[in-house]
Amino acid sequence: MTNKEKLSFDVIVVGAGLAGSTAAVMAARGGLNVVMVERGVTPGSKNYFGGALYTHSLVDIYPDFFSRKPPLERPVTETGFWFLSKDGMVRATVQGGKINSNPIDAYVAQRAKFDAWWAEQAKKEGVFLIPKTVVVDFIRENGKVVGVMTDRPDGALYAPVVIVCEGVNNLLTQKLGLIKHDFKGNATALAVKQLISLPAETINTRLGLTGSDKGLAISVVGDVSMGLPGLGFLYTGNDSLSLGVGVTLDALSAAGIKPYELLQRYLNHPMIAPLIAGGQLMEYGAHLIPEGGWSTMPQLYTDGVMVAGDAASMVNAMHWEGTNMAITAGKAAGETAVEAHKKGDFSASTLSAYRKRLENTFVLKDLHQYRNMSRFLHNHPEFMDVYPNFLNDALGMFFTGFGKPKKQLYGDILKSLTNRRPLLKAVGDIVAFGRTVMGI
């Protein structure tokens, strides 16, 4: 094949998810010829996500975002934690106040719909999309990446910059030798979920919402994970509920629990089952989540290549942040590609500006701060079992302690804790949690 026969671009983006489509549009805005390669039939077609998207990142890319009529579900007007015991629940949520911002900070979305729309916005700005195509390897010249090889006949694509946004199964990133670690089961969670159809009025009544312009984004702690390191979730769509649970792979394996059994147990919980009674199953799926964050992050760049999104372990499980990190990282990668073309230099030295950009955002700052969270939860299973159950017992006793001397009541509450966890160890747990959260 001669140089004239080469199918060449300025930038190749691998993956048309949130990070990929963002990187592509930022590069196109800089005047570059961009191709985006997506292995799904359409962008988002393989995505089982039904969670929250964060407004700040969306309007950062499209200031007129809401006027474009994006396929969003309900705004998040109530958020927080539900703490499950085996037969009870404590709700700690917030609504109004800072949650009632304009625009609302977060919206529930179905990624199968949203990713296709997000990619369509990139196409409108000149990005060329190639769907149903798998990138199988890189093309190298003199040891440097100069393109990719796809599974199509004569499937070579050339560009001096490749932005890899391949998702959690980062086989291409591994081919580049950028992974610093072996696969870690305690840093990767398997999330299983169901999307359940219910009338909007039923959802509003059961969850105490005053209208379809109100919505919930809830993290569920405690009995949902059977004491294993993990969390449950509940999100309200327009006429659906997305419920699921994510637990680290090594914990699932060690416990010998099948993921669908864990999910069904959650859905059958006496506090959860009434919320979905009579609903129709619309979708069932599972997805890996790279919760290792900072500790499992690969090197983010090399000669001719940058890595963004889930492929780079950009997930903050503590705050359920990943979508906004992907968008912010995609933006930084696209801008760096434009800068590299202006310099005519695509070396690792030039592309290191990508990481420098991210260091000035919340992405790397937060991932570094929470760098020990996965290890903390692995070493402190009490936060998944002991404390949620104690919280239910303690508040249950407090609000039913009528006709009882209150000194005895508080003694019983303390005993409920110390029967589960010695007081000094409980204090140590709280201190350790605080140090982990603060990144000390």
Protein backbone atom coordinates (compact mmCIF):
# COMPACT_ATOMS: atom_id res chain seq x y z
CA MET A 1 0.00 0.00 0.00
CA THR A 2 1.43 3.39 -0.97
CA ASN A 3 1.18 6.50 1.14
CA LYS A 4 -1.50 7.84 -1.25
CA GLU A 5 -3.63 4.78 -0.56
CA LYS A 6 -3.48 5.17 3.18
CA LEU A 7 -6.69 6.16 4.88
CA SER A 8 -5.31 8.99 6.97
CA PHE A 9 -6.73 11.37 9.55
CA ASP A 10 -5.36 13.90 12.00
CA VAL A 11 -6.80 12.07 15.01
CA ILE A 12 -8.23 8.61 15.59
CA VAL A 13 -10.51 8.15 18.61
CA VAL A 14 -11.18 4.58 19.74
CA GLY A 15 -14.59 4.31 21.39
CA ALA A 16 -17.66 6.53 21.02
CA GLY A 17 -18.64 6.77 24.66
CA LEU A 18 -18.65 9.96 26.67
CA ALA A 19 -14.87 10.32 26.71
CA GLY A 20 -14.44 9.39 23.06
CA SER A 21 -17.13 11.63 21.59
CA THR A 22 -15.90 14.52 23.73
CA ALA A 23 -12.28 14.06 22.66
CA ALA A 24 -13.40 13.84 19.03
CA VAL A 25 -15.49 17.00 19.08
CA MET A 26 -12.78 19.03 20.84
CA ALA A 27 -10.23 17.94 18.24
CA ALA A 28 -12.65 18.72 15.40
CA ARG A 29 -13.29 22.18 16.81
CA GLY A 30 -9.56 22.75 16.55
CA GLY A 31 -9.77 22.21 12.81
CA LEU A 32 -8.59 18.59 12.77
CA ASN A 33 -9.86 15.73 10.62
CA VAL A 34 -11.16 13.22 13.18
CA VAL A 35 -12.41 9.65 12.87
CA MET A 36 -14.11 7.85 15.74
CA VAL A 37 -14.16 4.04 15.71
CA GLU A 38 -16.92 2.31 17.69
CA ARG A 39 -17.31 -1.45 18.08
CA GLY A 40 -21.03 -1.27 18.89
CA VAL A 41 -23.78 -1.17 16.28
CA THR A 42 -24.40 2.37 17.51
CA PRO A 43 -22.70 4.38 20.27
CA GLY A 44 -24.12 3.25 23.61
CA SER A 45 -25.73 0.10 22.21
CA LYS A 46 -23.63 -2.08 24.53
CA ASN A 47 -24.03 0.18 27.57
CA TYR A 48 -26.22 -0.91 30.49
CA PHE A 49 -25.74 2.28 32.49
CA GLY A 50 -28.78 3.92 34.04
CA GLY A 51 -27.44 6.51 36.43
CA ALA A 52 -26.56 10.17 36.76
CA LEU A 53 -24.93 12.62 34.37
CA TYR A 54 -23.51 15.82 35.84
CA THR A 55 -24.51 19.17 34.40
CA HIS A 56 -21.18 20.94 34.91
CA SER A 57 -19.38 18.63 32.50
CA LEU A 58 -22.15 18.64 29.89
CA VAL A 59 -22.46 22.42 29.60
CA ASP A 60 -18.67 22.73 29.63
CA ILE A 61 -18.68 21.05 26.21
CA TYR A 62 -21.99 22.44 24.93
CA PRO A 63 -22.97 25.73 26.61
CA ASP A 64 -26.32 25.46 24.81
CA PHE A 65 -26.68 21.86 26.02
CA PHE A 66 -30.28 22.05 27.22
CA SER A 67 -31.54 23.81 24.12
CA ARG A 68 -30.27 20.84 22.08
CA LYS A 69 -33.01 18.71 23.68
CA PRO A 70 -30.80 15.93 25.09
CA PRO A 71 -32.45 12.58 25.97
CA LEU A 72 -32.37 12.99 29.73
CA GLU A 73 -34.71 11.41 32.25
CA ARG A 74 -35.59 13.05 35.57
CA PRO A 75 -33.52 15.74 37.28
CA VAL A 76 -31.94 14.61 40.56
CA THR A 77 -33.80 16.61 43.22
CA GLU A 78 -33.14 14.22 46.10
CA THR A 79 -29.96 12.27 46.75
CA GLY A 80 -28.15 10.52 49.57
CA PHE A 81 -27.87 7.14 51.28
CA TRP A 82 -30.24 4.39 52.30
CA PHE A 83 -28.81 2.13 55.02
CA LEU A 84 -30.35 -1.32 54.90
CA SER A 85 -30.51 -3.84 57.71
CA LYS A 86 -32.02 -7.26 57.11
CA ASP A 87 -35.55 -5.99 57.71
CA GLY A 88 -35.30 -2.22 58.01
CA MET A 89 -33.91 0.93 56.46
CA VAL A 90 -32.60 4.33 57.51
CA ARG A 91 -32.78 7.08 54.90
CA ALA A 92 -30.26 9.91 54.95
CA THR A 93 -31.06 12.07 51.94
CA VAL A 94 -31.00 15.72 51.05
CA GLN A 95 -33.43 17.74 48.94
CA GLY A 96 -33.98 21.42 48.38
CA GLY A 97 -31.27 23.87 49.42
CA LYS A 98 -28.13 23.42 47.35
CA ILE A 99 -29.70 20.46 45.52
CA ASN A 100 -32.33 22.85 44.14
CA SER A 101 -29.85 24.70 41.92
CA ASN A 102 -30.53 26.16 38.49
CA PRO A 103 -29.72 24.24 36.43
CA ILE A 104 -30.02 21.07 38.49
CA ASP A 105 -26.58 19.54 39.13
CA ALA A 106 -27.42 16.04 37.89
CA TYR A 107 -29.89 14.21 35.67
CA VAL A 108 -30.74 10.55 35.37
CA ALA A 109 -30.04 9.17 31.90
CA GLN A 110 -30.03 5.92 29.98
CA ARG A 111 -26.63 5.74 28.34
CA ALA A 112 -27.88 3.59 25.46
CA LYS A 113 -29.89 6.63 24.36
CA PHE A 114 -27.58 9.36 25.59
CA ASP A 115 -24.32 8.08 24.10
CA ALA A 116 -25.90 7.87 20.65
CA TRP A 117 -27.09 11.45 21.01
CA TRP A 118 -23.70 12.61 22.36
CA ALA A 119 -21.94 11.05 19.37
CA GLU A 120 -24.46 12.64 17.03
CA GLN A 121 -23.48 16.06 18.36
CA ALA A 122 -19.86 15.25 17.51
CA LYS A 123 -20.84 14.19 13.98
CA LYS A 124 -22.59 17.54 13.53
CA GLU A 125 -19.22 19.21 14.13
CA GLY A 126 -17.44 17.15 11.51
CA VAL A 127 -16.39 13.95 13.28
CA PHE A 128 -16.50 10.86 11.02
CA LEU A 129 -17.97 7.84 12.86
CA ILE A 130 -17.19 4.24 11.89
CA PRO A 131 -19.50 1.88 13.85
CA LYS A 132 -19.48 -1.93 14.10
CA THR A 133 -15.69 -1.89 13.92
CA VAL A 134 -13.15 -3.28 16.38
CA VAL A 135 -9.65 -1.88 16.74
CA VAL A 136 -7.44 -4.93 17.18
CA ASP A 137 -3.98 -3.39 17.35
CA PHE A 138 -1.81 -0.37 16.73
CA ILE A 139 0.29 0.42 13.70
CA ARG A 140 3.83 1.39 14.62
CA GLU A 141 6.66 2.97 12.71
CA ASN A 142 10.08 3.31 14.31
CA GLY A 143 8.52 2.20 17.59
CA LYS A 144 5.90 4.96 17.58
CA VAL A 145 2.16 4.58 17.11
CA VAL A 146 1.00 6.04 13.79
CA GLY A 147 -2.42 4.44 13.46
CA VAL A 148 -4.64 1.48 14.24
CA MET A 149 -5.59 -1.79 12.61
CA THR A 150 -9.28 -2.66 12.63
CA ASP A 151 -11.13 -5.91 11.94
CA ARG A 152 -12.41 -4.63 8.58
CA PRO A 153 -10.83 -5.74 5.30
CA ASP A 154 -8.01 -3.31 4.51
CA GLY A 155 -8.82 -1.90 7.94
CA ALA A 156 -5.72 0.21 8.55
CA LEU A 157 -6.34 3.78 9.69
CA TYR A 158 -3.48 6.24 10.07
CA ALA A 159 -3.10 9.30 12.27
CA PRO A 160 -0.27 10.85 14.29
CA VAL A 161 -2.53 10.93 17.38
CA VAL A 162 -4.69 8.10 18.71
CA ILE A 163 -6.98 8.73 21.69
CA VAL A 164 -7.98 5.46 23.38
CA CYS A 165 -11.37 5.53 25.11
CA GLU A 166 -12.05 1.80 24.92
CA GLY A 167 -13.73 1.34 28.30
CA VAL A 168 -12.94 -0.87 31.26
CA ASN A 169 -11.77 -3.83 29.14
CA ASN A 170 -8.62 -1.94 28.23
CA LEU A 171 -6.90 -4.52 26.04
CA LEU A 172 -5.44 -1.87 23.74
CA THR A 173 -4.02 0.05 26.68
CA GLN A 174 -2.37 -3.17 27.78
CA LYS A 175 -0.92 -3.67 24.29
CA LEU A 176 0.74 -0.29 24.67
CA GLY A 177 2.46 -1.44 27.85
CA LEU A 178 0.92 1.44 29.82
CA ILE A 179 -0.65 -0.71 32.56
CA LYS A 180 1.34 -0.51 35.78
CA HIS A 181 -0.34 -3.42 37.51
CA ASP A 182 -1.82 -6.86 37.11
CA PHE A 183 -5.60 -7.23 37.11
CA LYS A 184 -6.88 -6.54 40.64
CA GLY A 185 -10.18 -8.08 41.66
CA ASN A 186 -10.47 -5.83 44.72
CA ALA A 187 -10.21 -2.75 42.49
CA THR A 188 -12.80 -3.81 39.93
CA ALA A 189 -16.49 -4.12 40.73
CA LEU A 190 -19.15 -6.03 38.86
CA ALA A 191 -22.41 -4.09 38.81
CA VAL A 192 -25.61 -5.96 37.96
CA LYS A 193 -28.87 -4.11 37.48
CA GLN A 194 -32.43 -4.22 36.31
CA LEU A 195 -34.40 -1.50 34.58
CA ILE A 196 -38.01 -1.83 35.70
CA SER A 197 -40.92 -0.10 33.99
CA LEU A 198 -43.52 1.57 36.21
CA PRO A 199 -46.04 4.36 35.56
CA ALA A 200 -44.70 7.79 36.49
CA GLU A 201 -47.57 8.31 38.93
CA THR A 202 -46.71 5.06 40.72
CA ILE A 203 -43.06 6.04 41.03
CA ASN A 204 -44.05 9.44 42.42
CA THR A 205 -46.41 7.94 45.00
CA ARG A 206 -44.08 5.22 46.20
CA LEU A 207 -41.02 7.43 46.49
CA GLY A 208 -42.74 10.56 47.78
CA LEU A 209 -42.07 12.67 44.71
CA THR A 210 -44.41 15.56 43.98
CA GLY A 211 -44.16 15.27 40.21
CA SER A 212 -42.29 13.83 37.25
CA ASP A 213 -39.87 16.78 37.39
CA LYS A 214 -38.51 15.32 40.64
CA GLY A 215 -36.09 12.42 40.83
CA LEU A 216 -33.85 10.36 43.10
CA ALA A 217 -30.25 9.19 42.92
CA ILE A 218 -29.65 6.91 45.90
CA SER A 219 -26.65 4.92 47.12
CA VAL A 220 -27.69 1.88 49.16
CA VAL A 221 -25.38 0.55 51.89
CA GLY A 222 -25.57 -2.46 54.18
CA ASP A 223 -27.59 -5.60 53.66
CA VAL A 224 -27.72 -4.93 49.92
CA SER A 225 -24.18 -6.33 49.55
CA MET A 226 -24.38 -9.04 52.24
CA GLY A 227 -21.43 -7.45 54.03
CA LEU A 228 -19.21 -7.53 50.94
CA PRO A 229 -17.36 -4.41 49.71
CA GLY A 230 -19.95 -2.81 47.49
CA LEU A 231 -22.98 -0.57 47.16
CA GLY A 232 -26.46 -0.71 45.76
CA PHE A 233 -28.18 2.04 43.83
CA LEU A 234 -31.59 3.30 42.80
CA TYR A 235 -32.28 5.90 40.12
CA THR A 236 -35.63 7.21 38.94
CA GLY A 237 -36.28 7.51 35.23
CA ASN A 238 -39.35 9.11 33.69
CA ASP A 239 -41.32 5.89 33.89
CA SER A 240 -38.76 3.41 35.15
CA LEU A 241 -36.55 2.54 38.11
CA SER A 242 -32.94 1.48 37.69
CA LEU A 243 -31.82 -0.70 40.60
CA GLY A 244 -28.63 -2.66 41.01
CA VAL A 245 -25.69 -3.59 43.16
CA GLY A 246 -21.96 -3.51 42.56
CA VAL A 247 -19.47 -5.66 44.48
CA THR A 248 -15.75 -6.20 43.96
CA LEU A 249 -14.87 -9.26 41.92
CA ASP A 250 -12.57 -10.84 44.48
CA ALA A 251 -15.24 -10.53 47.20
CA LEU A 252 -17.83 -12.20 44.96
CA SER A 253 -15.44 -14.99 44.16
CA ALA A 254 -14.37 -15.55 47.77
CA ALA A 255 -17.99 -15.62 48.97
CA GLY A 256 -19.09 -17.93 46.16
CA ILE A 257 -22.07 -15.69 45.43
CA LYS A 258 -23.52 -15.41 41.95
CA PRO A 259 -24.12 -11.78 40.91
CA TYR A 260 -27.72 -12.34 39.81
CA GLU A 261 -28.48 -13.98 43.18
CA LEU A 262 -27.14 -10.90 44.97
CA LEU A 263 -29.27 -8.63 42.80
CA GLN A 264 -32.41 -10.70 43.31
CA ARG A 265 -31.85 -10.69 47.06
CA TYR A 266 -31.69 -6.90 46.94
CA LEU A 267 -34.86 -6.64 44.88
CA ASN A 268 -36.64 -8.99 47.30
CA HIS A 269 -35.63 -6.97 50.39
CA PRO A 270 -38.75 -6.01 52.39
CA MET A 271 -37.91 -2.32 52.04
CA ILE A 272 -37.23 -2.52 48.29
CA ALA A 273 -39.76 -5.04 46.95
CA PRO A 274 -42.81 -2.78 47.53
CA LEU A 275 -41.17 -0.04 45.45
CA ILE A 276 -41.02 -2.21 42.33
CA ALA A 277 -44.10 -4.38 42.84
CA GLY A 278 -46.04 -4.82 39.60
CA GLY A 279 -43.22 -3.42 37.49
CA GLN A 280 -42.16 -4.92 34.16
CA LEU A 281 -38.54 -5.88 33.51
CA MET A 282 -37.22 -3.80 30.61
CA GLU A 283 -33.54 -4.64 30.80
CA TYR A 284 -31.09 -6.78 32.73
CA GLY A 285 -27.38 -6.26 32.45
CA ALA A 286 -23.96 -6.34 34.06
CA HIS A 287 -20.95 -4.09 33.70
CA LEU A 288 -17.43 -3.93 35.11
CA ILE A 289 -16.47 -0.74 36.94
CA PRO A 290 -12.76 0.18 37.40
CA GLU A 291 -13.02 1.37 40.99
CA GLY A 292 -9.28 1.25 41.65
CA GLY A 293 -8.94 4.84 40.50
CA TRP A 294 -5.52 6.25 41.19
CA SER A 295 -4.00 2.95 42.31
CA THR A 296 -4.81 1.19 39.02
CA MET A 297 -4.48 4.12 36.63
CA PRO A 298 -2.22 3.38 33.66
CA GLN A 299 0.29 5.81 32.28
CA LEU A 300 -1.96 8.25 30.43
CA TYR A 301 0.16 8.90 27.34
CA THR A 302 2.99 7.68 25.18
CA ASP A 303 4.32 8.57 21.73
CA GLY A 304 1.23 9.25 19.60
CA VAL A 305 -1.35 7.99 22.12
CA MET A 306 -3.49 9.21 25.03
CA VAL A 307 -5.87 7.16 27.21
CA ALA A 308 -9.07 8.52 28.81
CA GLY A 309 -12.19 7.45 30.70
CA ASP A 310 -12.78 3.96 32.10
CA ALA A 311 -9.77 2.68 30.16
CA ALA A 312 -7.70 4.93 32.42
CA SER A 313 -9.56 3.88 35.59
CA MET A 314 -11.15 7.31 35.96
CA VAL A 315 -13.88 6.45 38.45
CA ASN A 316 -14.51 7.86 41.92
CA ALA A 317 -16.75 5.21 43.50
CA MET A 318 -17.19 7.25 46.68
CA HIS A 319 -19.21 9.87 44.79
CA TRP A 320 -20.45 7.70 41.88
CA GLU A 321 -18.40 9.93 39.59
CA GLY A 322 -17.20 8.57 36.29
CA THR A 323 -19.29 10.14 33.55
CA ASN A 324 -18.07 13.64 34.32
CA MET A 325 -14.48 12.42 34.67
CA ALA A 326 -14.72 10.80 31.25
CA ILE A 327 -16.03 14.00 29.65
CA THR A 328 -13.42 16.19 31.35
CA ALA A 329 -10.61 13.81 30.35
CA GLY A 330 -11.92 13.59 26.78
CA LYS A 331 -11.88 17.36 26.56
CA ALA A 332 -8.28 17.52 27.82
CA ALA A 333 -7.18 14.83 25.36
CA GLY A 334 -8.85 16.57 22.41
CA GLU A 335 -7.28 19.90 23.31
CA THR A 336 -3.87 18.27 23.64
CA ALA A 337 -4.24 16.71 20.20
CA VAL A 338 -4.90 20.15 18.72
CA GLU A 339 -1.86 21.56 20.50
CA ALA A 340 0.32 18.69 19.24
CA HIS A 341 -0.73 19.35 15.63
CA LYS A 342 0.09 23.03 15.99
CA LYS A 343 3.58 22.05 17.14
CA GLY A 344 3.91 19.24 14.62
CA ASP A 345 5.21 17.10 17.47
CA PHE A 346 3.37 13.98 18.66
CA SER A 347 5.94 12.63 21.07
CA ALA A 348 5.23 11.59 24.64
CA SER A 349 6.89 14.80 25.73
CA THR A 350 4.31 16.92 23.92
CA LEU A 351 1.36 14.70 24.85
CA SER A 352 2.36 14.91 28.53
CA ALA A 353 0.41 18.20 28.42
CA TYR A 354 -2.69 15.99 28.62
CA ARG A 355 -1.81 14.86 32.12
CA LYS A 356 -0.86 18.40 33.12
CA ARG A 357 -4.30 19.58 32.01
CA LEU A 358 -5.95 16.88 34.13
CA GLU A 359 -3.83 17.79 37.14
CA ASN A 360 -5.53 21.18 37.08
CA THR A 361 -9.00 19.62 37.20
CA PHE A 362 -10.95 17.70 39.83
CA VAL A 363 -10.20 14.42 38.02
CA LEU A 364 -6.66 13.70 39.17
CA LYS A 365 -7.02 15.73 42.35
CA ASP A 366 -9.96 13.64 43.53
CA LEU A 367 -8.57 10.31 42.36
CA HIS A 368 -5.39 10.99 44.29
CA GLN A 369 -7.32 12.02 47.39
CA TYR A 370 -9.37 8.79 47.34
CA ARG A 371 -6.45 6.61 46.27
CA ASN A 372 -6.76 4.31 49.31
CA MET A 373 -10.55 3.90 49.33
CA SER A 374 -10.70 0.47 47.66
CA ARG A 375 -8.13 -0.89 50.09
CA PHE A 376 -9.96 0.71 53.03
CA LEU A 377 -13.27 -0.96 52.17
CA HIS A 378 -11.49 -4.26 51.63
CA ASN A 379 -9.88 -4.01 55.08
CA HIS A 380 -12.96 -2.61 56.86
CA PRO A 381 -15.97 -4.75 55.91
CA GLU A 382 -17.69 -3.40 59.04
CA PHE A 383 -18.82 -0.40 56.98
CA MET A 384 -20.81 -2.74 54.75
CA ASP A 385 -22.38 -4.74 57.58
CA VAL A 386 -21.83 -3.75 61.22
CA TYR A 387 -22.48 -0.02 61.02
CA PRO A 388 -25.55 -0.01 58.72
CA ASN A 389 -27.19 -2.61 60.99
CA PHE A 390 -26.20 -0.67 64.10
CA LEU A 391 -27.58 2.54 62.64
CA ASN A 392 -30.93 0.86 62.03
CA ASP A 393 -31.02 -0.59 65.54
CA ALA A 394 -29.86 2.63 67.23
CA LEU A 395 -32.42 4.88 65.55
CA GLY A 396 -35.09 2.23 65.95
CA MET A 397 -34.46 2.15 69.69
CA PHE A 398 -34.26 5.94 69.94
CA PHE A 399 -37.63 6.49 68.29
CA THR A 400 -39.38 3.71 70.21
CA GLY A 401 -37.82 4.33 73.61
CA PHE A 402 -41.03 5.55 75.21
CA GLY A 403 -41.68 4.81 78.87
CA LYS A 404 -38.06 3.80 79.41
CA PRO A 405 -35.45 5.73 81.44
CA LYS A 406 -33.35 7.47 78.82
CA LYS A 407 -30.10 6.59 80.56
CA GLN A 408 -31.05 2.96 80.05
CA LEU A 409 -32.02 3.74 76.45
CA TYR A 410 -28.62 5.21 75.64
CA GLY A 411 -26.95 2.33 77.43
CA ASP A 412 -28.86 -0.10 75.23
CA ILE A 413 -27.84 1.82 72.12
CA LEU A 414 -24.18 1.72 73.13
CA LYS A 415 -24.48 -1.99 73.91
CA SER A 416 -25.95 -2.53 70.44
CA LEU A 417 -22.70 -1.16 69.03
CA THR A 418 -20.23 -2.84 71.39
CA ASN A 419 -21.91 -6.22 70.89
CA ARG A 420 -20.95 -5.86 67.26
CA ARG A 421 -17.68 -3.98 67.47
CA PRO A 422 -15.53 -3.05 70.52
CA LEU A 423 -15.75 0.67 71.19
CA LEU A 424 -12.05 1.39 70.69
CA LYS A 425 -12.07 -0.46 67.38
CA ALA A 426 -15.15 1.49 66.32
CA VAL A 427 -13.36 4.75 67.11
CA GLY A 428 -10.36 3.50 65.16
CA ASP A 429 -12.59 2.67 62.21
CA ILE A 430 -14.00 6.20 62.15
CA VAL A 431 -10.51 7.72 62.35
CA ALA A 432 -9.29 5.45 59.56
CA PHE A 433 -12.27 6.38 57.40
CA GLY A 434 -11.62 10.09 57.95
CA ARG A 435 -7.97 9.73 57.02
CA THR A 436 -8.86 7.78 53.89
CA VAL A 437 -11.45 10.30 52.75
CA MET A 438 -9.07 13.21 53.35
CA GLY A 439 -6.31 11.40 51.47
CA ILE A 440 -3.94 11.47 54.44
